[in-house]
Amino acid sequence: MFGRTILVTGAGSVLTVLLMGLASPIQAQTSCTLTQGYWKNHPELWPVDSIVLGGWNITKAQALAVLSTPPRGDATYILAHQLIAAMLNMLNGADSSSVADQITEADLWLVAHPLDSRPTGADREAGLLLAKGLVSRAVEVFEEGRRVAEQCGDQAMAALFAREIEEARRRGRPGDRPSRS
């Protein structure tokens, strides 16, 4: 039985969140912007069986392996996690107009810096900046959802969005870690 549906519009995008009760996860609906953790934990809802990452066509299983690999400060994995989520969101119907250039830049950066290459210095910082840009757009969409939920008096939904915002921000602070260069 479905709990509630909230439609959020803003910044040229639409976010539809469908909840199955209060304790159940968000369901992947067309036009949603969801986190890397969501996509990692719900591969059955992926809109594709393979994606291109760093110029390589990789299978869903390979992409899940990347998402399951702790970055441990490696900018290639930090960016790959965000890029996979951004691409899945786009392929699932989310408005990608505000991040299309960043997605292209991020993929090109991964072509030049393959997974596990552990770039240092300015190269590492460039990868972290790209990852942060992808996270920032997701946070904007979640914040808009929280504002609408609060205006409608739906505190449970507002709390759900607040958790998503915190998770996205937490993952979006890779540059706060000391550099290995």
C-alpha atoms as a PDB file:
ATOM      1  CA  MET A   1       0.000   0.000   0.000  1.00  0.00           C
ATOM      2  CA  PHE A   2       1.410   3.364  -0.992  1.00  0.00           C
ATOM      3  CA  GLY A   3       2.006   6.038   1.623  1.00  0.00           C
ATOM      4  CA  ARG A   4       2.152   9.365  -0.179  1.00  0.00           C
ATOM      5  CA  THR A   5       3.417  11.059  -3.291  1.00  0.00           C
ATOM      6  CA  ILE A   6       4.955  14.524  -3.399  1.00  0.00           C
ATOM      7  CA  LEU A   7       5.718  16.286  -6.646  1.00  0.00           C
ATOM      8  CA  VAL A   8       8.469  18.878  -6.409  1.00  0.00           C
ATOM      9  CA  THR A   9       9.314  21.267  -9.197  1.00  0.00           C
ATOM     10  CA  GLY A  10      12.188  23.679  -9.217  1.00  0.00           C
ATOM     11  CA  ALA A  11      15.270  24.711 -11.121  1.00  0.00           C
ATOM     12  CA  GLY A  12      13.817  23.186 -14.279  1.00  0.00           C
ATOM     13  CA  SER A  13      13.564  19.711 -12.808  1.00  0.00           C
ATOM     14  CA  VAL A  14      10.840  17.571 -11.345  1.00  0.00           C
ATOM     15  CA  LEU A  15      11.329  15.239  -8.404  1.00  0.00           C
ATOM     16  CA  THR A  16       8.637  12.716  -7.622  1.00  0.00           C
ATOM     17  CA  VAL A  17       9.017  10.830  -4.396  1.00  0.00           C
ATOM     18  CA  LEU A  18       6.808   7.839  -3.713  1.00  0.00           C
ATOM     19  CA  LEU A  19       6.989   6.324  -0.248  1.00  0.00           C
ATOM     20  CA  MET A  20       5.866   2.904   0.868  1.00  0.00           C
ATOM     21  CA  GLY A  21       4.984   3.768   4.454  1.00  0.00           C
ATOM     22  CA  LEU A  22       7.331   5.794   6.606  1.00  0.00           C
ATOM     23  CA  ALA A  23      10.129   3.273   7.102  1.00  0.00           C
ATOM     24  CA  SER A  24      10.437   2.077   3.497  1.00  0.00           C
ATOM     25  CA  PRO A  25      12.918   3.404   0.940  1.00  0.00           C
ATOM     26  CA  ILE A  26      12.195   5.886  -1.837  1.00  0.00           C
ATOM     27  CA  GLN A  27      11.099   4.113  -4.995  1.00  0.00           C
ATOM     28  CA  ALA A  28      12.989   5.003  -8.183  1.00  0.00           C
ATOM     29  CA  GLN A  29      10.470   6.928 -10.256  1.00  0.00           C
ATOM     30  CA  THR A  30      11.132   8.622 -13.545  1.00  0.00           C
ATOM     31  CA  SER A  31      12.618  12.086 -13.009  1.00  0.00           C
ATOM     32  CA  CYS A  32      13.918  11.387  -9.481  1.00  0.00           C
ATOM     33  CA  THR A  33      17.384  12.401  -8.435  1.00  0.00           C
ATOM     34  CA  LEU A  34      18.659   9.698  -6.093  1.00  0.00           C
ATOM     35  CA  THR A  35      21.936   9.124  -4.252  1.00  0.00           C
ATOM     36  CA  GLN A  36      24.725   6.701  -5.081  1.00  0.00           C
ATOM     37  CA  GLY A  37      23.762   4.714  -1.985  1.00  0.00           C
ATOM     38  CA  TYR A  38      20.233   4.293  -3.281  1.00  0.00           C
ATOM     39  CA  TRP A  39      21.429   3.036  -6.671  1.00  0.00           C
ATOM     40  CA  LYS A  40      23.972   0.716  -5.023  1.00  0.00           C
ATOM     41  CA  ASN A  41      21.279  -0.822  -2.818  1.00  0.00           C
ATOM     42  CA  HIS A  42      18.576  -1.057  -5.504  1.00  0.00           C
ATOM     43  CA  PRO A  43      20.211  -2.453  -8.670  1.00  0.00           C
ATOM     44  CA  GLU A  44      16.919  -4.069  -9.690  1.00  0.00           C
ATOM     45  CA  LEU A  45      15.604  -0.542 -10.365  1.00  0.00           C
ATOM     46  CA  TRP A  46      18.460   0.522 -12.656  1.00  0.00           C
ATOM     47  CA  PRO A  47      17.122   1.704 -16.026  1.00  0.00           C
ATOM     48  CA  VAL A  48      20.040   0.047 -17.892  1.00  0.00           C
ATOM     49  CA  ASP A  49      22.248  -3.047 -17.670  1.00  0.00           C
ATOM     50  CA  SER A  50      25.471  -1.225 -18.575  1.00  0.00           C
ATOM     51  CA  ILE A  51      26.897   2.304 -18.581  1.00  0.00           C
ATOM     52  CA  VAL A  52      29.955   4.064 -19.959  1.00  0.00           C
ATOM     53  CA  LEU A  53      32.411   5.078 -17.249  1.00  0.00           C
ATOM     54  CA  GLY A  54      35.720   6.675 -18.127  1.00  0.00           C
ATOM     55  CA  GLY A  55      35.298   5.698 -21.762  1.00  0.00           C
ATOM     56  CA  TRP A  56      34.660   2.034 -20.930  1.00  0.00           C
ATOM     57  CA  ASN A  57      31.342   0.243 -21.304  1.00  0.00           C
ATOM     58  CA  ILE A  58      30.869  -1.528 -17.970  1.00  0.00           C
ATOM     59  CA  THR A  59      28.156  -3.933 -16.866  1.00  0.00           C
ATOM     60  CA  LYS A  60      25.790  -3.356 -13.985  1.00  0.00           C
ATOM     61  CA  ALA A  61      27.793  -5.871 -11.930  1.00  0.00           C
ATOM     62  CA  GLN A  62      31.011  -3.967 -12.632  1.00  0.00           C
ATOM     63  CA  ALA A  63      29.367  -0.642 -11.769  1.00  0.00           C
ATOM     64  CA  LEU A  64      28.075  -2.142  -8.510  1.00  0.00           C
ATOM     65  CA  ALA A  65      31.608  -3.325  -7.715  1.00  0.00           C
ATOM     66  CA  VAL A  66      32.850   0.246  -8.242  1.00  0.00           C
ATOM     67  CA  LEU A  67      30.091   1.607  -5.984  1.00  0.00           C
ATOM     68  CA  SER A  68      31.020  -0.979  -3.337  1.00  0.00           C
ATOM     69  CA  THR A  69      34.702  -0.046  -3.371  1.00  0.00           C
ATOM     70  CA  PRO A  70      35.557   2.368  -0.529  1.00  0.00           C
ATOM     71  CA  PRO A  71      37.379   5.355  -2.076  1.00  0.00           C
ATOM     72  CA  ARG A  72      39.924   5.693   0.747  1.00  0.00           C
ATOM     73  CA  GLY A  73      40.806   9.148  -0.570  1.00  0.00           C
ATOM     74  CA  ASP A  74      41.229   8.038  -4.196  1.00  0.00           C
ATOM     75  CA  ALA A  75      39.628  10.792  -6.298  1.00  0.00           C
ATOM     76  CA  THR A  76      38.922   8.314  -9.112  1.00  0.00           C
ATOM     77  CA  TYR A  77      36.527   6.314  -6.941  1.00  0.00           C
ATOM     78  CA  ILE A  78      35.066   9.409  -5.259  1.00  0.00           C
ATOM     79  CA  LEU A  79      34.203  10.825  -8.685  1.00  0.00           C
ATOM     80  CA  ALA A  80      33.126   7.466 -10.153  1.00  0.00           C
ATOM     81  CA  HIS A  81      30.580   6.987  -7.338  1.00  0.00           C
ATOM     82  CA  GLN A  82      29.003  10.380  -8.025  1.00  0.00           C
ATOM     83  CA  LEU A  83      29.190   9.974 -11.798  1.00  0.00           C
ATOM     84  CA  ILE A  84      27.468   6.586 -11.758  1.00  0.00           C
ATOM     85  CA  ALA A  85      24.626   8.059  -9.664  1.00  0.00           C
ATOM     86  CA  ALA A  86      24.345  11.114 -11.935  1.00  0.00           C
ATOM     87  CA  MET A  87      24.259   8.955 -15.070  1.00  0.00           C
ATOM     88  CA  LEU A  88      21.659   6.588 -13.593  1.00  0.00           C
ATOM     89  CA  ASN A  89      19.527   9.558 -12.563  1.00  0.00           C
ATOM     90  CA  MET A  90      19.790  10.973 -16.086  1.00  0.00           C
ATOM     91  CA  LEU A  91      19.031   7.601 -17.707  1.00  0.00           C
ATOM     92  CA  ASN A  92      16.063   7.234 -15.354  1.00  0.00           C
ATOM     93  CA  GLY A  93      14.565  10.478 -16.661  1.00  0.00           C
ATOM     94  CA  ALA A  94      15.888  13.165 -14.310  1.00  0.00           C
ATOM     95  CA  ASP A  95      16.529  16.561 -15.884  1.00  0.00           C
ATOM     96  CA  SER A  96      20.253  16.570 -16.617  1.00  0.00           C
ATOM     97  CA  SER A  97      20.451  19.971 -18.317  1.00  0.00           C
ATOM     98  CA  SER A  98      22.178  21.571 -15.323  1.00  0.00           C
ATOM     99  CA  VAL A  99      24.784  18.799 -15.007  1.00  0.00           C
ATOM    100  CA  ALA A 100      25.266  17.558 -18.582  1.00  0.00           C
ATOM    101  CA  ASP A 101      28.555  19.437 -19.004  1.00  0.00           C
ATOM    102  CA  GLN A 102      29.783  18.219 -15.597  1.00  0.00           C
ATOM    103  CA  ILE A 103      28.901  14.629 -16.487  1.00  0.00           C
ATOM    104  CA  THR A 104      30.913  14.924 -19.707  1.00  0.00           C
ATOM    105  CA  GLU A 105      33.841  16.564 -17.902  1.00  0.00           C
ATOM    106  CA  ALA A 106      33.793  13.924 -15.177  1.00  0.00           C
ATOM    107  CA  ASP A 107      33.788  11.085 -17.698  1.00  0.00           C
ATOM    108  CA  LEU A 108      36.674  12.681 -19.627  1.00  0.00           C
ATOM    109  CA  TRP A 109      38.586  13.128 -16.367  1.00  0.00           C
ATOM    110  CA  LEU A 110      38.144   9.400 -15.677  1.00  0.00           C
ATOM    111  CA  VAL A 111      39.424   8.617 -19.188  1.00  0.00           C
ATOM    112  CA  ALA A 112      42.626  10.500 -18.303  1.00  0.00           C
ATOM    113  CA  HIS A 113      42.700   9.141 -14.717  1.00  0.00           C
ATOM    114  CA  PRO A 114      41.457   5.515 -14.733  1.00  0.00           C
ATOM    115  CA  LEU A 115      40.012   3.934 -11.615  1.00  0.00           C
ATOM    116  CA  ASP A 116      42.570   3.193  -8.909  1.00  0.00           C
ATOM    117  CA  SER A 117      45.232   5.421 -10.514  1.00  0.00           C
ATOM    118  CA  ARG A 118      45.315   7.611  -7.371  1.00  0.00           C
ATOM    119  CA  PRO A 119      46.039  10.993  -8.984  1.00  0.00           C
ATOM    120  CA  THR A 120      47.777  13.543  -6.782  1.00  0.00           C
ATOM    121  CA  GLY A 121      48.101  17.298  -6.526  1.00  0.00           C
ATOM    122  CA  ALA A 122      46.138  19.424  -8.985  1.00  0.00           C
ATOM    123  CA  ASP A 123      44.860  16.350 -10.857  1.00  0.00           C
ATOM    124  CA  ARG A 124      43.347  14.934  -7.648  1.00  0.00           C
ATOM    125  CA  GLU A 125      41.829  18.276  -6.711  1.00  0.00           C
ATOM    126  CA  ALA A 126      40.230  18.586 -10.170  1.00  0.00           C
ATOM    127  CA  GLY A 127      38.567  15.185  -9.739  1.00  0.00           C
ATOM    128  CA  LEU A 128      37.313  16.106  -6.272  1.00  0.00           C
ATOM    129  CA  LEU A 129      35.925  19.388  -7.591  1.00  0.00           C
ATOM    130  CA  LEU A 130      34.003  17.551 -10.311  1.00  0.00           C
ATOM    131  CA  ALA A 131      32.573  15.130  -7.722  1.00  0.00           C
ATOM    132  CA  LYS A 132      31.545  18.027  -5.512  1.00  0.00           C
ATOM    133  CA  GLY A 133      29.754  19.692  -8.434  1.00  0.00           C
ATOM    134  CA  LEU A 134      27.689  16.567  -9.113  1.00  0.00           C
ATOM    135  CA  VAL A 135      26.760  16.333  -5.422  1.00  0.00           C
ATOM    136  CA  SER A 136      25.818  20.027  -5.260  1.00  0.00           C
ATOM    137  CA  ARG A 137      23.145  19.595  -7.921  1.00  0.00           C
ATOM    138  CA  ALA A 138      21.634  16.614  -6.091  1.00  0.00           C
ATOM    139  CA  VAL A 139      21.559  18.634  -2.852  1.00  0.00           C
ATOM    140  CA  GLU A 140      19.674  21.465  -4.626  1.00  0.00           C
ATOM    141  CA  VAL A 141      16.941  19.043  -5.712  1.00  0.00           C
ATOM    142  CA  PHE A 142      16.668  17.479  -2.235  1.00  0.00           C
ATOM    143  CA  GLU A 143      16.490  20.936  -0.597  1.00  0.00           C
ATOM    144  CA  GLU A 144      13.623  21.924  -2.895  1.00  0.00           C
ATOM    145  CA  GLY A 145      11.804  18.732  -1.898  1.00  0.00           C
ATOM    146  CA  ARG A 146      12.310  19.480   1.785  1.00  0.00           C
ATOM    147  CA  ARG A 147      10.970  23.046   1.382  1.00  0.00           C
ATOM    148  CA  VAL A 148       7.785  21.810  -0.300  1.00  0.00           C
ATOM    149  CA  ALA A 149       7.267  19.092   2.332  1.00  0.00           C
ATOM    150  CA  GLU A 150       7.671  21.630   5.142  1.00  0.00           C
ATOM    151  CA  GLN A 151       5.238  24.047   3.472  1.00  0.00           C
ATOM    152  CA  CYS A 152       2.698  21.235   3.219  1.00  0.00           C
ATOM    153  CA  GLY A 153       3.160  20.390   6.895  1.00  0.00           C
ATOM    154  CA  ASP A 154       4.607  16.959   6.138  1.00  0.00           C
ATOM    155  CA  GLN A 155       7.346  16.725   8.769  1.00  0.00           C
ATOM    156  CA  ALA A 156       8.079  13.044   8.117  1.00  0.00           C
ATOM    157  CA  MET A 157       8.768  13.794   4.431  1.00  0.00           C
ATOM    158  CA  ALA A 158      10.810  16.884   5.343  1.00  0.00           C
ATOM    159  CA  ALA A 159      12.900  14.717   7.701  1.00  0.00           C
ATOM    160  CA  LEU A 160      13.461  12.168   4.908  1.00  0.00           C
ATOM    161  CA  PHE A 161      14.720  14.910   2.586  1.00  0.00           C
ATOM    162  CA  ALA A 162      16.904  16.316   5.392  1.00  0.00           C
ATOM    163  CA  ARG A 163      18.561  12.896   5.771  1.00  0.00           C
ATOM    164  CA  GLU A 164      19.156  12.702   1.991  1.00  0.00           C
ATOM    165  CA  ILE A 165      20.644  16.216   2.036  1.00  0.00           C
ATOM    166  CA  GLU A 166      22.975  15.329   4.899  1.00  0.00           C
ATOM    167  CA  GLU A 167      24.060  12.105   3.177  1.00  0.00           C
ATOM    168  CA  ALA A 168      24.735  13.921  -0.097  1.00  0.00           C
ATOM    169  CA  ARG A 169      26.650  16.678   1.685  1.00  0.00           C
ATOM    170  CA  ARG A 170      28.645  14.154   3.704  1.00  0.00           C
ATOM    171  CA  ARG A 171      29.678  12.389   0.524  1.00  0.00           C
ATOM    172  CA  GLY A 172      30.309  15.724  -1.150  1.00  0.00           C
ATOM    173  CA  ARG A 173      33.134  16.726   1.175  1.00  0.00           C
ATOM    174  CA  PRO A 174      35.961  14.596  -0.199  1.00  0.00           C
ATOM    175  CA  GLY A 175      38.231  17.639  -0.440  1.00  0.00           C
ATOM    176  CA  ASP A 176      38.088  18.033   3.332  1.00  0.00           C
ATOM    177  CA  ARG A 177      40.273  14.967   3.682  1.00  0.00           C
ATOM    178  CA  PRO A 178      44.052  15.464   3.695  1.00  0.00           C
ATOM    179  CA  SER A 179      45.656  15.082   0.301  1.00  0.00           C
ATOM    180  CA  ARG A 180      48.014  12.145  -0.291  1.00  0.00           C
ATOM    181  CA  SER A 181      50.279  14.228  -2.528  1.00  0.00           C
END
